[in-house]
Amino acid sequence: MNRLVNFTQGLNSLIQSAQNTQRSNKKVSTDMFINLAKLDHVVFKLKGYDAAFKDNHSFVFQNHTSCRFGKWYLDEVKELFGKAASYKKVDAMHKSIHDNVRVVPNYIEKERL
C-alpha cells in the first residue's frame, strides 16, 4: 500500500510540474509574440514614413485588423479578455497607430497643393 501511495504522490508531482511548465511556456510564447508584434509596428511605421518621403502614394497600408497583432488580438485574446473594459481600450489605441500612419501621405500631398 505504501508503494502505491508513493507512486501516486510521485505521479501527482510529475503532473503538477508538467502543468507548471506548460503555463511557463505559454507565458514565454505570449511575451515573444507581443514583442514580435511591437517590432511589426515599428516596421509598419518605418514603411509609412518611407512611402511618405518617397512620395509613394500607391503603397498599401495595413489596417489594424489585418496585421499580425490585430489578427491575434481579435481571435485568441478576444476569447479570453473580450469582455474586459481594457480590451476595447487596447483596440482603440492600436487602431489609432494604424490610422495615424495611414494618413501621413495625405498630409504631404495637401502641403504640395
PDB file of N, CA and C in Angstrom:
ATOM      1  N   MET A   1       0.819  -1.194   0.000  1.00  0.00           N
ATOM      2  CA  MET A   1       0.000   0.000   0.000  1.00  0.00           C
ATOM      3  C   MET A   1       0.863   1.258   0.000  1.00  0.00           C
ATOM      4  N   ASN A   2       1.963   1.222   0.755  1.00  0.00           N
ATOM      5  CA  ASN A   2       2.869   2.347   0.835  1.00  0.00           C
ATOM      6  C   ASN A   2       3.480   2.659  -0.538  1.00  0.00           C
ATOM      7  N   ARG A   3       3.773   1.636  -1.310  1.00  0.00           N
ATOM      8  CA  ARG A   3       4.335   1.826  -2.653  1.00  0.00           C
ATOM      9  C   ARG A   3       3.323   2.525  -3.560  1.00  0.00           C
ATOM     10  N   LEU A   4       2.068   2.164  -3.410  1.00  0.00           N
ATOM     11  CA  LEU A   4       1.018   2.785  -4.211  1.00  0.00           C
ATOM     12  C   LEU A   4       0.868   4.261  -3.854  1.00  0.00           C
ATOM     13  N   VAL A   5       0.927   4.572  -2.578  1.00  0.00           N
ATOM     14  CA  VAL A   5       0.836   5.963  -2.135  1.00  0.00           C
ATOM     15  C   VAL A   5       2.027   6.764  -2.670  1.00  0.00           C
ATOM     16  N   ASN A   6       3.229   6.202  -2.574  1.00  0.00           N
ATOM     17  CA  ASN A   6       4.429   6.875  -3.088  1.00  0.00           C
ATOM     18  C   ASN A   6       4.332   7.089  -4.599  1.00  0.00           C
ATOM     19  N   PHE A   7       3.848   6.065  -5.302  1.00  0.00           N
ATOM     20  CA  PHE A   7       3.682   6.180  -6.750  1.00  0.00           C
ATOM     21  C   PHE A   7       2.683   7.289  -7.098  1.00  0.00           C
ATOM     22  N   THR A   8       1.567   7.314  -6.391  1.00  0.00           N
ATOM     23  CA  THR A   8       0.528   8.321  -6.634  1.00  0.00           C
ATOM     24  C   THR A   8       1.065   9.715  -6.357  1.00  0.00           C
ATOM     25  N   GLN A   9       1.794   9.882  -5.260  1.00  0.00           N
ATOM     26  CA  GLN A   9       2.375  11.183  -4.935  1.00  0.00           C
ATOM     27  C   GLN A   9       3.384  11.615  -6.002  1.00  0.00           C
ATOM     28  N   GLY A  10       4.202  10.676  -6.431  1.00  0.00           N
ATOM     29  CA  GLY A  10       5.189  10.971  -7.479  1.00  0.00           C
ATOM     30  C   GLY A  10       4.515  11.348  -8.790  1.00  0.00           C
ATOM     31  N   LEU A  11       3.456  10.629  -9.129  1.00  0.00           N
ATOM     32  CA  LEU A  11       2.715  10.916 -10.353  1.00  0.00           C
ATOM     33  C   LEU A  11       2.043  12.285 -10.270  1.00  0.00           C
ATOM     34  N   ASN A  12       1.443  12.593  -9.144  1.00  0.00           N
ATOM     35  CA  ASN A  12       0.815  13.904  -8.954  1.00  0.00           C
ATOM     36  C   ASN A  12       1.846  15.032  -9.037  1.00  0.00           C
ATOM     37  N   SER A  13       3.020  14.802  -8.481  1.00  0.00           N
ATOM     38  CA  SER A  13       4.095  15.787  -8.548  1.00  0.00           C
ATOM     39  C   SER A  13       4.539  15.995  -9.996  1.00  0.00           C
ATOM     40  N   LEU A  14       4.641  14.914 -10.738  1.00  0.00           N
ATOM     41  CA  LEU A  14       5.013  14.989 -12.144  1.00  0.00           C
ATOM     42  C   LEU A  14       3.962  15.755 -12.951  1.00  0.00           C
ATOM     43  N   ILE A  15       2.700  15.485 -12.695  1.00  0.00           N
ATOM     44  CA  ILE A  15       1.611  16.185 -13.375  1.00  0.00           C
ATOM     45  C   ILE A  15       1.653  17.676 -13.058  1.00  0.00           C
ATOM     46  N   GLN A  16       1.852  18.004 -11.781  1.00  0.00           N
ATOM     47  CA  GLN A  16       1.932  19.408 -11.364  1.00  0.00           C
ATOM     48  C   GLN A  16       3.098  20.101 -12.052  1.00  0.00           C
ATOM     49  N   SER A  17       4.230  19.441 -12.106  1.00  0.00           N
ATOM     50  CA  SER A  17       5.406  20.007 -12.753  1.00  0.00           C
ATOM     51  C   SER A  17       5.160  20.232 -14.251  1.00  0.00           C
ATOM     52  N   ALA A  18       4.501  19.284 -14.891  1.00  0.00           N
ATOM     53  CA  ALA A  18       4.185  19.410 -16.315  1.00  0.00           C
ATOM     54  C   ALA A  18       3.226  20.579 -16.551  1.00  0.00           C
ATOM     55  N   GLN A  19       2.265  20.751 -15.671  1.00  0.00           N
ATOM     56  CA  GLN A  19       1.327  21.864 -15.802  1.00  0.00           C
ATOM     57  C   GLN A  19       2.029  23.205 -15.604  1.00  0.00           C
ATOM     58  N   ASN A  20       2.945  23.269 -14.649  1.00  0.00           N
ATOM     59  CA  ASN A  20       3.717  24.500 -14.433  1.00  0.00           C
ATOM     60  C   ASN A  20       4.570  24.827 -15.659  1.00  0.00           C
ATOM     61  N   THR A  21       5.191  23.814 -16.222  1.00  0.00           N
ATOM     62  CA  THR A  21       5.994  24.009 -17.428  1.00  0.00           C
ATOM     63  C   THR A  21       5.131  24.486 -18.582  1.00  0.00           C
ATOM     64  N   GLN A  22       3.952  23.924 -18.703  1.00  0.00           N
ATOM     65  CA  GLN A  22       3.035  24.327 -19.767  1.00  0.00           C
ATOM     66  C   GLN A  22       2.638  25.793 -19.607  1.00  0.00           C
ATOM     67  N   ARG A  23       2.314  26.216 -18.391  1.00  0.00           N
ATOM     68  CA  ARG A  23       1.963  27.619 -18.138  1.00  0.00           C
ATOM     69  C   ARG A  23       3.143  28.547 -18.439  1.00  0.00           C
ATOM     70  N   SER A  24       4.324  28.151 -18.011  1.00  0.00           N
ATOM     71  CA  SER A  24       5.518  28.966 -18.274  1.00  0.00           C
ATOM     72  C   SER A  24       5.772  29.090 -19.773  1.00  0.00           C
ATOM     73  N   ASN A  25       5.634  28.001 -20.496  1.00  0.00           N
ATOM     74  CA  ASN A  25       5.835  28.027 -21.945  1.00  0.00           C
ATOM     75  C   ASN A  25       4.815  28.930 -22.623  1.00  0.00           C
ATOM     76  N   LYS A  26       3.591  28.896 -22.172  1.00  0.00           N
ATOM     77  CA  LYS A  26       2.540  29.742 -22.735  1.00  0.00           C
ATOM     78  C   LYS A  26       2.864  31.213 -22.498  1.00  0.00           C
ATOM     79  N   LYS A  27       3.330  31.536 -21.293  1.00  0.00           N
ATOM     80  CA  LYS A  27       3.679  32.924 -20.972  1.00  0.00           C
ATOM     81  C   LYS A  27       4.848  33.388 -21.838  1.00  0.00           C
ATOM     82  N   VAL A  28       5.874  32.570 -21.956  1.00  0.00           N
ATOM     83  CA  VAL A  28       7.029  32.936 -22.779  1.00  0.00           C
ATOM     84  C   VAL A  28       6.598  33.111 -24.234  1.00  0.00           C
ATOM     85  N   SER A  29       5.771  32.219 -24.708  1.00  0.00           N
ATOM     86  CA  SER A  29       5.280  32.297 -26.082  1.00  0.00           C
ATOM     87  C   SER A  29       4.484  33.582 -26.304  1.00  0.00           C
ATOM     88  N   THR A  30       3.630  33.926 -25.370  1.00  0.00           N
ATOM     89  CA  THR A  30       2.839  35.155 -25.471  1.00  0.00           C
ATOM     90  C   THR A  30       3.742  36.382 -25.428  1.00  0.00           C
ATOM     91  N   ASP A  31       4.702  36.393 -24.511  1.00  0.00           N
ATOM     92  CA  ASP A  31       5.633  37.522 -24.413  1.00  0.00           C
ATOM     93  C   ASP A  31       6.421  37.688 -25.710  1.00  0.00           C
ATOM     94  N   MET A  32       6.882  36.586 -26.278  1.00  0.00           N
ATOM     95  CA  MET A  32       7.626  36.643 -27.539  1.00  0.00           C
ATOM     96  C   MET A  32       6.737  37.177 -28.660  1.00  0.00           C
ATOM     97  N   PHE A  33       5.490  36.731 -28.692  1.00  0.00           N
ATOM     98  CA  PHE A  33       4.583  37.190 -29.735  1.00  0.00           C
ATOM     99  C   PHE A  33       4.320  38.688 -29.605  1.00  0.00           C
ATOM    100  N   ILE A  34       4.121  39.161 -28.401  1.00  0.00           N
ATOM    101  CA  ILE A  34       3.862  40.587 -28.192  1.00  0.00           C
ATOM    102  C   ILE A  34       5.075  41.416 -28.626  1.00  0.00           C
ATOM    103  N   ASN A  35       6.276  40.949 -28.301  1.00  0.00           N
ATOM    104  CA  ASN A  35       7.475  41.666 -28.747  1.00  0.00           C
ATOM    105  C   ASN A  35       7.595  41.648 -30.262  1.00  0.00           C
ATOM    106  N   LEU A  36       7.248  40.542 -30.884  1.00  0.00           N
ATOM    107  CA  LEU A  36       7.250  40.459 -32.336  1.00  0.00           C
ATOM    108  C   LEU A  36       6.228  41.428 -32.933  1.00  0.00           C
ATOM    109  N   ALA A  37       5.067  41.513 -32.310  1.00  0.00           N
ATOM    110  CA  ALA A  37       4.031  42.444 -32.780  1.00  0.00           C
ATOM    111  C   ALA A  37       4.509  43.887 -32.648  1.00  0.00           C
ATOM    112  N   LYS A  38       5.222  44.195 -31.575  1.00  0.00           N
ATOM    113  CA  LYS A  38       5.769  45.542 -31.412  1.00  0.00           C
ATOM    114  C   LYS A  38       6.760  45.846 -32.538  1.00  0.00           C
ATOM    115  N   LEU A  39       7.613  44.894 -32.834  1.00  0.00           N
ATOM    116  CA  LEU A  39       8.573  45.084 -33.927  1.00  0.00           C
ATOM    117  C   LEU A  39       7.853  45.247 -35.264  1.00  0.00           C
ATOM    118  N   ASP A  40       6.794  44.467 -35.467  1.00  0.00           N
ATOM    119  CA  ASP A  40       5.996  44.610 -36.693  1.00  0.00           C
ATOM    120  C   ASP A  40       5.488  46.037 -36.846  1.00  0.00           C
ATOM    121  N   HIS A  41       5.081  46.646 -35.749  1.00  0.00           N
ATOM    122  CA  HIS A  41       4.537  48.000 -35.815  1.00  0.00           C
ATOM    123  C   HIS A  41       5.632  49.050 -35.991  1.00  0.00           C
ATOM    124  N   VAL A  42       6.806  48.790 -35.503  1.00  0.00           N
ATOM    125  CA  VAL A  42       7.931  49.679 -35.792  1.00  0.00           C
ATOM    126  C   VAL A  42       8.212  49.636 -37.294  1.00  0.00           C
ATOM    127  N   VAL A  43       8.247  48.429 -37.853  1.00  0.00           N
ATOM    128  CA  VAL A  43       8.460  48.284 -39.298  1.00  0.00           C
ATOM    129  C   VAL A  43       7.320  48.947 -40.073  1.00  0.00           C
ATOM    130  N   PHE A  44       6.084  48.780 -39.613  1.00  0.00           N
ATOM    131  CA  PHE A  44       4.925  49.398 -40.247  1.00  0.00           C
ATOM    132  C   PHE A  44       5.093  50.914 -40.306  1.00  0.00           C
ATOM    133  N   LYS A  45       5.482  51.510 -39.186  1.00  0.00           N
ATOM    134  CA  LYS A  45       5.676  52.959 -39.143  1.00  0.00           C
ATOM    135  C   LYS A  45       6.806  53.382 -40.082  1.00  0.00           C
ATOM    136  N   LEU A  46       7.906  52.629 -40.062  1.00  0.00           N
ATOM    137  CA  LEU A  46       9.032  52.969 -40.936  1.00  0.00           C
ATOM    138  C   LEU A  46       8.638  52.881 -42.409  1.00  0.00           C
ATOM    139  N   LYS A  47       7.852  51.886 -42.768  1.00  0.00           N
ATOM    140  CA  LYS A  47       7.382  51.767 -44.149  1.00  0.00           C
ATOM    141  C   LYS A  47       6.474  52.941 -44.503  1.00  0.00           C
ATOM    142  N   GLY A  48       5.671  53.359 -43.556  1.00  0.00           N
ATOM    143  CA  GLY A  48       4.807  54.520 -43.780  1.00  0.00           C
ATOM    144  C   GLY A  48       5.620  55.781 -44.016  1.00  0.00           C
ATOM    145  N   TYR A  49       6.634  55.998 -43.179  1.00  0.00           N
ATOM    146  CA  TYR A  49       7.495  57.164 -43.362  1.00  0.00           C
ATOM    147  C   TYR A  49       8.253  57.076 -44.688  1.00  0.00           C
ATOM    148  N   ASP A  50       8.734  55.882 -45.004  1.00  0.00           N
ATOM    149  CA  ASP A  50       9.458  55.679 -46.261  1.00  0.00           C
ATOM    150  C   ASP A  50       8.563  56.014 -47.461  1.00  0.00           C
ATOM    151  N   ALA A  51       7.324  55.517 -47.418  1.00  0.00           N
ATOM    152  CA  ALA A  51       6.389  55.799 -48.521  1.00  0.00           C
ATOM    153  C   ALA A  51       6.118  57.295 -48.620  1.00  0.00           C
ATOM    154  N   ALA A  52       6.007  57.963 -47.486  1.00  0.00           N
ATOM    155  CA  ALA A  52       5.739  59.399 -47.494  1.00  0.00           C
ATOM    156  C   ALA A  52       6.929  60.175 -48.055  1.00  0.00           C
ATOM    157  N   PHE A  53       8.122  59.839 -47.598  1.00  0.00           N
ATOM    158  CA  PHE A  53       9.300  60.567 -48.064  1.00  0.00           C
ATOM    159  C   PHE A  53       9.617  60.298 -49.528  1.00  0.00           C
ATOM    160  N   LYS A  54       9.226  59.132 -50.009  1.00  0.00           N
ATOM    161  CA  LYS A  54       9.444  58.799 -51.421  1.00  0.00           C
ATOM    162  C   LYS A  54       8.244  59.181 -52.284  1.00  0.00           C
ATOM    163  N   ASP A  55       7.240  59.785 -51.643  1.00  0.00           N
ATOM    164  CA  ASP A  55       6.028  60.204 -52.349  1.00  0.00           C
ATOM    165  C   ASP A  55       5.358  59.027 -53.055  1.00  0.00           C
ATOM    166  N   ASN A  56       5.349  57.896 -52.384  1.00  0.00           N
ATOM    167  CA  ASN A  56       4.783  56.671 -52.942  1.00  0.00           C
ATOM    168  C   ASN A  56       3.318  56.551 -52.515  1.00  0.00           C
ATOM    169  N   HIS A  57       2.422  57.063 -53.330  1.00  0.00           N
ATOM    170  CA  HIS A  57       1.003  57.045 -52.983  1.00  0.00           C
ATOM    171  C   HIS A  57       0.337  55.714 -53.309  1.00  0.00           C
ATOM    172  N   SER A  58       1.063  54.814 -53.946  1.00  0.00           N
ATOM    173  CA  SER A  58       0.476  53.507 -54.262  1.00  0.00           C
ATOM    174  C   SER A  58       0.725  52.493 -53.152  1.00  0.00           C
ATOM    175  N   PHE A  59       1.518  52.885 -52.151  1.00  0.00           N
ATOM    176  CA  PHE A  59       1.799  51.962 -51.049  1.00  0.00           C
ATOM    177  C   PHE A  59       0.513  51.666 -50.293  1.00  0.00           C
ATOM    178  N   VAL A  60       0.263  50.394 -50.016  1.00  0.00           N
ATOM    179  CA  VAL A  60      -0.954  49.984 -49.313  1.00  0.00           C
ATOM    180  C   VAL A  60      -0.611  49.741 -47.842  1.00  0.00           C
ATOM    181  N   PHE A  61      -1.256  50.498 -46.979  1.00  0.00           N
ATOM    182  CA  PHE A  61      -1.045  50.355 -45.537  1.00  0.00           C
ATOM    183  C   PHE A  61      -2.051  49.370 -44.958  1.00  0.00           C
ATOM    184  N   GLN A  62      -1.580  48.499 -44.087  1.00  0.00           N
ATOM    185  CA  GLN A  62      -2.483  47.563 -43.418  1.00  0.00           C
ATOM    186  C   GLN A  62      -3.377  48.312 -42.444  1.00  0.00           C
ATOM    187  N   ASN A  63      -4.614  47.819 -42.310  1.00  0.00           N
ATOM    188  CA  ASN A  63      -5.447  48.385 -41.251  1.00  0.00           C
ATOM    189  C   ASN A  63      -5.182  47.599 -39.965  1.00  0.00           C
ATOM    190  N   HIS A  64      -5.760  48.031 -38.889  1.00  0.00           N
ATOM    191  CA  HIS A  64      -5.428  47.456 -37.585  1.00  0.00           C
ATOM    192  C   HIS A  64      -5.962  46.034 -37.381  1.00  0.00           C
ATOM    193  N   THR A  65      -6.824  45.569 -38.254  1.00  0.00           N
ATOM    194  CA  THR A  65      -7.341  44.202 -38.105  1.00  0.00           C
ATOM    195  C   THR A  65      -6.616  43.195 -38.989  1.00  0.00           C
ATOM    196  N   SER A  66      -5.765  43.685 -39.897  1.00  0.00           N
ATOM    197  CA  SER A  66      -5.109  42.750 -40.809  1.00  0.00           C
ATOM    198  C   SER A  66      -3.644  42.492 -40.469  1.00  0.00           C
ATOM    199  N   CYS A  67      -3.091  43.218 -39.523  1.00  0.00           N
ATOM    200  CA  CYS A  67      -1.709  42.951 -39.125  1.00  0.00           C
ATOM    201  C   CYS A  67      -1.683  41.734 -38.190  1.00  0.00           C
ATOM    202  N   ARG A  68      -0.488  41.247 -37.937  1.00  0.00           N
ATOM    203  CA  ARG A  68      -0.327  40.047 -37.106  1.00  0.00           C
ATOM    204  C   ARG A  68      -0.944  40.238 -35.724  1.00  0.00           C
ATOM    205  N   PHE A  69      -0.675  41.395 -35.100  1.00  0.00           N
ATOM    206  CA  PHE A  69      -1.232  41.666 -33.777  1.00  0.00           C
ATOM    207  C   PHE A  69      -2.753  41.751 -33.836  1.00  0.00           C
ATOM    208  N   GLY A  70      -3.280  42.451 -34.841  1.00  0.00           N
ATOM    209  CA  GLY A  70      -4.729  42.596 -34.970  1.00  0.00           C
ATOM    210  C   GLY A  70      -5.449  41.272 -35.111  1.00  0.00           C
ATOM    211  N   LYS A  71      -4.886  40.385 -35.911  1.00  0.00           N
ATOM    212  CA  LYS A  71      -5.494  39.064 -36.090  1.00  0.00           C
ATOM    213  C   LYS A  71      -5.479  38.282 -34.784  1.00  0.00           C
ATOM    214  N   TRP A  72      -4.336  38.334 -34.082  1.00  0.00           N
ATOM    215  CA  TRP A  72      -4.206  37.618 -32.813  1.00  0.00           C
ATOM    216  C   TRP A  72      -5.144  38.219 -31.777  1.00  0.00           C
ATOM    217  N   TYR A  73      -5.185  39.540 -31.736  1.00  0.00           N
ATOM    218  CA  TYR A  73      -5.989  40.258 -30.759  1.00  0.00           C
ATOM    219  C   TYR A  73      -7.481  40.002 -30.953  1.00  0.00           C
ATOM    220  N   LEU A  74      -7.906  39.926 -32.207  1.00  0.00           N
ATOM    221  CA  LEU A  74      -9.330  39.725 -32.491  1.00  0.00           C
ATOM    222  C   LEU A  74      -9.756  38.263 -32.407  1.00  0.00           C
ATOM    223  N   ASP A  75      -8.794  37.375 -32.254  1.00  0.00           N
ATOM    224  CA  ASP A  75      -9.130  35.951 -32.165  1.00  0.00           C
ATOM    225  C   ASP A  75      -8.831  35.411 -30.773  1.00  0.00           C
ATOM    226  N   GLU A  76      -7.587  35.092 -30.537  1.00  0.00           N
ATOM    227  CA  GLU A  76      -7.177  34.452 -29.290  1.00  0.00           C
ATOM    228  C   GLU A  76      -7.451  35.319 -28.061  1.00  0.00           C
ATOM    229  N   VAL A  77      -7.057  36.569 -28.127  1.00  0.00           N
ATOM    230  CA  VAL A  77      -7.196  37.466 -26.981  1.00  0.00           C
ATOM    231  C   VAL A  77      -8.659  37.799 -26.724  1.00  0.00           C
ATOM    232  N   LYS A  78      -9.414  37.967 -27.793  1.00  0.00           N
ATOM    233  CA  LYS A  78     -10.827  38.309 -27.627  1.00  0.00           C
ATOM    234  C   LYS A  78     -11.573  37.214 -26.870  1.00  0.00           C
ATOM    235  N   GLU A  79     -11.229  35.963 -27.162  1.00  0.00           N
ATOM    236  CA  GLU A  79     -11.868  34.845 -26.459  1.00  0.00           C
ATOM    237  C   GLU A  79     -11.594  34.911 -24.961  1.00  0.00           C
ATOM    238  N   LEU A  80     -10.387  35.325 -24.602  1.00  0.00           N
ATOM    239  CA  LEU A  80     -10.002  35.349 -23.193  1.00  0.00           C
ATOM    240  C   LEU A  80     -10.433  36.620 -22.467  1.00  0.00           C
ATOM    241  N   PHE A  81     -10.301  37.771 -23.136  1.00  0.00           N
ATOM    242  CA  PHE A  81     -10.476  39.047 -22.443  1.00  0.00           C
ATOM    243  C   PHE A  81     -11.460  39.989 -23.114  1.00  0.00           C
ATOM    244  N   GLY A  82     -12.207  39.518 -24.077  1.00  0.00           N
ATOM    245  CA  GLY A  82     -13.093  40.369 -24.860  1.00  0.00           C
ATOM    246  C   GLY A  82     -14.104  41.165 -24.051  1.00  0.00           C
ATOM    247  N   LYS A  83     -14.480  40.695 -22.878  1.00  0.00           N
ATOM    248  CA  LYS A  83     -15.479  41.394 -22.076  1.00  0.00           C
ATOM    249  C   LYS A  83     -14.867  42.402 -21.108  1.00  0.00           C
ATOM    250  N   ALA A  84     -13.559  42.398 -20.999  1.00  0.00           N
ATOM    251  CA  ALA A  84     -12.886  43.336 -20.091  1.00  0.00           C
ATOM    252  C   ALA A  84     -12.897  44.742 -20.689  1.00  0.00           C
ATOM    253  N   ALA A  85     -13.058  45.733 -19.856  1.00  0.00           N
ATOM    254  CA  ALA A  85     -13.096  47.121 -20.320  1.00  0.00           C
ATOM    255  C   ALA A  85     -11.785  47.516 -20.990  1.00  0.00           C
ATOM    256  N   SER A  86     -10.679  46.998 -20.492  1.00  0.00           N
ATOM    257  CA  SER A  86      -9.382  47.363 -21.050  1.00  0.00           C
ATOM    258  C   SER A  86      -9.179  46.789 -22.450  1.00  0.00           C
ATOM    259  N   TYR A  87      -9.892  45.735 -22.783  1.00  0.00           N
ATOM    260  CA  TYR A  87      -9.759  45.132 -24.121  1.00  0.00           C
ATOM    261  C   TYR A  87     -10.079  46.163 -25.199  1.00  0.00           C
ATOM    262  N   LYS A  88     -11.173  46.874 -25.034  1.00  0.00           N
ATOM    263  CA  LYS A  88     -11.582  47.870 -26.033  1.00  0.00           C
ATOM    264  C   LYS A  88     -10.613  49.046 -26.084  1.00  0.00           C
ATOM    265  N   LYS A  89      -9.991  49.371 -24.967  1.00  0.00           N
ATOM    266  CA  LYS A  89      -9.024  50.470 -24.945  1.00  0.00           C
ATOM    267  C   LYS A  89      -7.794  50.131 -25.778  1.00  0.00           C
ATOM    268  N   VAL A  90      -7.343  48.905 -25.686  1.00  0.00           N
ATOM    269  CA  VAL A  90      -6.184  48.479 -26.475  1.00  0.00           C
ATOM    270  C   VAL A  90      -6.533  48.535 -27.958  1.00  0.00           C
ATOM    271  N   ASP A  91      -7.720  48.085 -28.307  1.00  0.00           N
ATOM    272  CA  ASP A  91      -8.133  48.102 -29.709  1.00  0.00           C
ATOM    273  C   ASP A  91      -8.146  49.527 -30.246  1.00  0.00           C
ATOM    274  N   ALA A  92      -8.641  50.456 -29.472  1.00  0.00           N
ATOM    275  CA  ALA A  92      -8.696  51.859 -29.908  1.00  0.00           C
ATOM    276  C   ALA A  92      -7.290  52.428 -30.104  1.00  0.00           C
ATOM    277  N   MET A  93      -6.380  52.127 -29.197  1.00  0.00           N
ATOM    278  CA  MET A  93      -5.003  52.610 -29.331  1.00  0.00           C
ATOM    279  C   MET A  93      -4.328  51.988 -30.554  1.00  0.00           C
ATOM    280  N   HIS A  94      -4.545  50.703 -30.737  1.00  0.00           N
ATOM    281  CA  HIS A  94      -3.962  50.001 -31.875  1.00  0.00           C
ATOM    282  C   HIS A  94      -4.494  50.568 -33.186  1.00  0.00           C
ATOM    283  N   LYS A  95      -5.779  50.815 -33.254  1.00  0.00           N
ATOM    284  CA  LYS A  95      -6.386  51.398 -34.453  1.00  0.00           C
ATOM    285  C   LYS A  95      -5.797  52.785 -34.715  1.00  0.00           C
ATOM    286  N   SER A  96      -5.587  53.542 -33.663  1.00  0.00           N
ATOM    287  CA  SER A  96      -5.030  54.879 -33.787  1.00  0.00           C
ATOM    288  C   SER A  96      -3.640  54.850 -34.421  1.00  0.00           C
ATOM    289  N   ILE A  97      -2.824  53.906 -34.029  1.00  0.00           N
ATOM    290  CA  ILE A  97      -1.483  53.773 -34.615  1.00  0.00           C
ATOM    291  C   ILE A  97      -1.596  53.596 -36.125  1.00  0.00           C
ATOM    292  N   HIS A  98      -2.429  52.654 -36.537  1.00  0.00           N
ATOM    293  CA  HIS A  98      -2.587  52.397 -37.968  1.00  0.00           C
ATOM    294  C   HIS A  98      -3.196  53.596 -38.690  1.00  0.00           C
ATOM    295  N   ASP A  99      -4.220  54.166 -38.132  1.00  0.00           N
ATOM    296  CA  ASP A  99      -4.887  55.299 -38.785  1.00  0.00           C
ATOM    297  C   ASP A  99      -3.956  56.495 -38.942  1.00  0.00           C
ATOM    298  N   ASN A 100      -3.158  56.770 -37.920  1.00  0.00           N
ATOM    299  CA  ASN A 100      -2.254  57.919 -37.985  1.00  0.00           C
ATOM    300  C   ASN A 100      -1.148  57.726 -39.017  1.00  0.00           C
ATOM    301  N   VAL A 101      -0.643  56.526 -39.149  1.00  0.00           N
ATOM    302  CA  VAL A 101       0.382  56.278 -40.167  1.00  0.00           C
ATOM    303  C   VAL A 101      -0.240  56.300 -41.562  1.00  0.00           C
ATOM    304  N   ARG A 102      -1.447  55.808 -41.680  1.00  0.00           N
ATOM    305  CA  ARG A 102      -2.094  55.736 -42.991  1.00  0.00           C
ATOM    306  C   ARG A 102      -2.406  57.114 -43.581  1.00  0.00           C
ATOM    307  N   VAL A 103      -2.518  58.141 -42.768  1.00  0.00           N
ATOM    308  CA  VAL A 103      -2.845  59.473 -43.290  1.00  0.00           C
ATOM    309  C   VAL A 103      -1.623  60.335 -43.582  1.00  0.00           C
ATOM    310  N   VAL A 104      -0.441  59.876 -43.244  1.00  0.00           N
ATOM    311  CA  VAL A 104       0.767  60.667 -43.479  1.00  0.00           C
ATOM    312  C   VAL A 104       0.901  61.087 -44.948  1.00  0.00           C
ATOM    313  N   PRO A 105       0.751  60.179 -45.916  1.00  0.00           N
ATOM    314  CA  PRO A 105       0.863  60.623 -47.320  1.00  0.00           C
ATOM    315  C   PRO A 105      -0.163  61.699 -47.690  1.00  0.00           C
ATOM    316  N   ASN A 106      -1.339  61.663 -47.103  1.00  0.00           N
ATOM    317  CA  ASN A 106      -2.351  62.688 -47.380  1.00  0.00           C
ATOM    318  C   ASN A 106      -1.897  64.063 -46.905  1.00  0.00           C
ATOM    319  N   TYR A 107      -1.273  64.124 -45.744  1.00  0.00           N
ATOM    320  CA  TYR A 107      -0.772  65.406 -45.242  1.00  0.00           C
ATOM    321  C   TYR A 107       0.308  65.959 -46.160  1.00  0.00           C
ATOM    322  N   ILE A 108       1.166  65.090 -46.612  1.00  0.00           N
ATOM    323  CA  ILE A 108       2.240  65.536 -47.501  1.00  0.00           C
ATOM    324  C   ILE A 108       1.649  66.035 -48.815  1.00  0.00           C
ATOM    325  N   GLU A 109       0.678  65.323 -49.329  1.00  0.00           N
ATOM    326  CA  GLU A 109       0.027  65.730 -50.579  1.00  0.00           C
ATOM    327  C   GLU A 109      -0.652  67.089 -50.418  1.00  0.00           C
ATOM    328  N   LYS A 110      -1.314  67.308 -49.306  1.00  0.00           N
ATOM    329  CA  LYS A 110      -2.005  68.588 -49.077  1.00  0.00           C
ATOM    330  C   LYS A 110      -1.010  69.749 -48.997  1.00  0.00           C
ATOM    331  N   GLU A 111       0.168  69.489 -48.444  1.00  0.00           N
ATOM    332  CA  GLU A 111       1.187  70.523 -48.336  1.00  0.00           C
ATOM    333  C   GLU A 111       1.654  70.974 -49.719  1.00  0.00           C
ATOM    334  N   ARG A 112       1.564  70.123 -50.699  1.00  0.00           N
ATOM    335  CA  ARG A 112       2.037  70.458 -52.048  1.00  0.00           C
ATOM    336  C   ARG A 112       1.019  71.267 -52.818  1.00  0.00           C
ATOM    337  N   LEU A 113      -0.236  71.267 -52.363  1.00  0.00           N
ATOM    338  CA  LEU A 113      -1.284  71.975 -53.097  1.00  0.00           C
ATOM    339  C   LEU A 113      -1.239  73.470 -52.896  1.00  0.00           C
TER     340      LEU A 113
END
